[in-house]
Amino acid sequence: MSPTKPLAVDTDTHSQIALLARAWGVSHDEVLRKLLAQFAQLPTAPPAVAGMDVYAIYACTRVEGRYDPVTGALTIEEGPGQGHYKTPSGASAAVLRALRPTVTPIRSGWEFWRIRSTGVPLESIRPDHTRRVTPATPPPATSVGRSSPARH
């Protein structure tokens, strides 16, 4: 066994180490060894990005992206418009600017992007709070009980 050195920890951390030592039936030192060994075995690759794969075809070019339904962001890892965007529309504008700089890049990203697994527009899963609300057109005014305009 190698020589030991004191390790200063705060009271809460010491209590948690002591709790694990009692639960596992080992010394405080062994608790730290087990935790460090377990940590060393964790995968080093970053966790997969949450979301769904999407694509768009514009100017005969297919562009792949990843939509995050939690944040509403869309990321284009490579190709035209590469970058991270707060909204699907921001990402679609970047693709349009990259492929056709002379075209005004105004598009609804919800209709521009399609879900890769189904081919349906991203609009199909759009959260209700981001949908555009079109005001209802009021019906034309009608006169009740009159067949001709009133005369004064």
Protein backbone atom coordinates (compact mmCIF):
# COMPACT_ATOMS: atom_id res chain seq x y z
CA MET A 1 0.00 0.00 0.00
CA SER A 2 1.33 3.41 -0.93
CA PRO A 3 1.82 6.16 1.66
CA THR A 4 -1.21 8.37 2.29
CA LYS A 5 -1.56 12.14 2.35
CA PRO A 6 -4.27 14.06 4.17
CA LEU A 7 -7.08 15.42 2.03
CA ALA A 8 -9.11 18.38 3.28
CA VAL A 9 -12.81 18.28 2.40
CA ASP A 10 -15.73 20.34 3.62
CA THR A 11 -18.12 18.96 6.23
CA ASP A 12 -20.89 18.06 3.75
CA THR A 13 -18.51 16.15 1.47
CA HIS A 14 -17.03 14.31 4.47
CA SER A 15 -20.56 13.31 5.56
CA GLN A 16 -21.33 11.95 2.09
CA ILE A 17 -18.08 9.97 2.00
CA ALA A 18 -18.84 8.58 5.47
CA LEU A 19 -22.36 7.62 4.36
CA LEU A 20 -21.00 5.71 1.35
CA ALA A 21 -18.32 4.06 3.53
CA ARG A 22 -21.01 2.76 5.91
CA ALA A 23 -23.28 1.63 3.05
CA TRP A 24 -20.48 -0.20 1.24
CA GLY A 25 -18.71 -1.45 4.37
CA VAL A 26 -15.37 0.07 3.36
CA SER A 27 -13.00 2.80 4.54
CA HIS A 28 -13.22 6.43 3.48
CA ASP A 29 -10.11 5.91 1.33
CA GLU A 30 -11.75 2.94 -0.40
CA VAL A 31 -14.86 5.01 -1.16
CA LEU A 32 -12.73 7.54 -3.03
CA ARG A 33 -10.80 4.77 -4.84
CA LYS A 34 -14.07 3.14 -5.98
CA LEU A 35 -15.58 6.43 -7.14
CA LEU A 36 -12.43 7.40 -9.04
CA ALA A 37 -12.20 3.94 -10.66
CA GLN A 38 -15.83 4.18 -11.73
CA PHE A 39 -15.30 7.69 -13.13
CA ALA A 40 -12.26 6.51 -15.10
CA GLN A 41 -14.44 3.92 -16.86
CA LEU A 42 -16.97 6.47 -18.13
CA PRO A 43 -16.96 6.94 -21.91
CA THR A 44 -14.88 9.89 -23.04
CA ALA A 45 -17.08 10.70 -26.03
CA PRO A 46 -19.45 13.59 -25.51
CA PRO A 47 -23.10 12.65 -25.13
CA ALA A 48 -25.19 12.57 -28.27
CA VAL A 49 -26.91 15.83 -29.07
CA ALA A 50 -30.61 15.65 -28.32
CA GLY A 51 -32.93 16.30 -31.19
CA MET A 52 -33.79 15.05 -34.61
CA ASP A 53 -32.11 15.00 -37.97
CA VAL A 54 -33.56 17.33 -40.58
CA TYR A 55 -32.70 18.29 -44.13
CA ALA A 56 -33.53 20.87 -46.76
CA ILE A 57 -33.01 20.89 -50.50
CA TYR A 58 -32.38 24.27 -52.04
CA ALA A 59 -30.69 25.19 -55.34
CA CYS A 60 -30.19 21.46 -56.04
CA THR A 61 -28.20 21.13 -52.81
CA ARG A 62 -29.17 18.96 -49.86
CA VAL A 63 -28.24 20.44 -46.48
CA GLU A 64 -28.38 18.33 -43.30
CA GLY A 65 -29.10 19.72 -39.86
CA ARG A 66 -30.15 18.78 -36.35
CA TYR A 67 -33.20 20.33 -34.71
CA ASP A 68 -33.44 20.50 -30.91
CA PRO A 69 -37.12 20.48 -29.91
CA VAL A 70 -36.25 21.54 -26.35
CA THR A 71 -34.51 24.79 -27.30
CA GLY A 72 -35.95 25.26 -30.80
CA ALA A 73 -32.41 25.64 -32.15
CA LEU A 74 -31.15 24.16 -35.40
CA THR A 75 -27.51 23.28 -36.07
CA ILE A 76 -25.90 22.76 -39.47
CA GLU A 77 -22.69 20.82 -38.81
CA GLU A 78 -21.18 21.27 -42.28
CA GLY A 79 -21.91 22.65 -45.69
CA PRO A 80 -23.79 25.78 -46.76
CA GLY A 81 -24.90 27.81 -43.78
CA GLN A 82 -22.77 25.86 -41.29
CA GLY A 83 -23.44 27.06 -37.74
CA HIS A 84 -25.79 27.04 -34.76
CA TYR A 85 -29.05 29.00 -35.04
CA LYS A 86 -31.68 29.91 -32.45
CA THR A 87 -34.53 29.05 -34.84
CA PRO A 88 -35.18 26.95 -37.95
CA SER A 89 -35.87 30.19 -39.86
CA GLY A 90 -32.46 31.58 -38.90
CA ALA A 91 -30.85 28.41 -40.23
CA SER A 92 -32.85 28.53 -43.47
CA ALA A 93 -31.83 32.17 -44.01
CA ALA A 94 -28.16 31.17 -43.63
CA VAL A 95 -28.53 28.41 -46.23
CA LEU A 96 -30.21 30.79 -48.68
CA ARG A 97 -27.50 33.44 -48.17
CA ALA A 98 -24.79 30.81 -48.74
CA LEU A 99 -26.31 29.27 -51.87
CA ARG A 100 -27.99 32.30 -53.48
CA PRO A 101 -26.59 35.54 -52.05
CA THR A 102 -28.72 37.69 -54.38
CA VAL A 103 -32.01 36.18 -53.16
CA THR A 104 -33.77 37.72 -50.16
CA PRO A 105 -33.39 35.03 -47.47
CA ILE A 106 -36.89 35.25 -46.07
CA ARG A 107 -38.42 31.80 -45.61
CA SER A 108 -40.29 30.01 -42.89
CA GLY A 109 -37.76 27.56 -41.51
CA TRP A 110 -40.65 25.43 -40.28
CA GLU A 111 -41.62 24.76 -43.90
CA PHE A 112 -38.07 24.86 -45.34
CA TRP A 113 -36.70 22.01 -43.18
CA ARG A 114 -37.99 18.43 -43.35
CA ILE A 115 -37.66 15.65 -40.80
CA ARG A 116 -35.18 13.17 -42.23
CA SER A 117 -36.95 10.02 -40.99
CA THR A 118 -40.34 10.94 -42.49
CA GLY A 119 -39.79 13.67 -45.07
CA VAL A 120 -42.59 15.78 -43.57
CA PRO A 121 -42.00 19.49 -42.91
CA LEU A 122 -40.67 20.46 -39.50
CA GLU A 123 -43.92 22.45 -39.20
CA SER A 124 -45.64 19.16 -38.31
CA ILE A 125 -43.98 19.16 -34.86
CA ARG A 126 -43.87 22.91 -34.31
CA PRO A 127 -44.71 23.85 -30.71
CA ASP A 128 -48.01 25.70 -30.40
CA HIS A 129 -46.40 28.73 -28.73
CA THR A 130 -44.30 29.43 -31.84
CA ARG A 131 -47.10 29.18 -34.39
CA ARG A 132 -48.18 32.32 -36.14
CA VAL A 133 -51.66 33.37 -35.23
CA THR A 134 -53.60 34.70 -38.18
CA PRO A 135 -56.31 37.07 -37.04
CA ALA A 136 -59.76 35.97 -38.06
CA THR A 137 -61.43 38.14 -40.67
CA PRO A 138 -64.63 39.52 -39.21
CA PRO A 139 -67.77 38.73 -41.18
CA PRO A 140 -69.18 41.60 -43.25
CA ALA A 141 -71.60 43.83 -41.38
CA THR A 142 -75.20 42.99 -42.10
CA SER A 143 -78.37 44.86 -41.31
CA VAL A 144 -80.83 42.80 -39.40
CA GLY A 145 -84.39 43.14 -40.58
CA ARG A 146 -83.61 45.67 -43.33
CA SER A 147 -83.64 44.98 -47.00
CA SER A 148 -82.16 48.30 -48.11
CA PRO A 149 -79.78 50.86 -46.65
CA ALA A 150 -81.26 53.34 -44.23
CA ARG A 151 -82.05 56.78 -45.59
CA HIS A 152 -81.83 59.93 -43.57
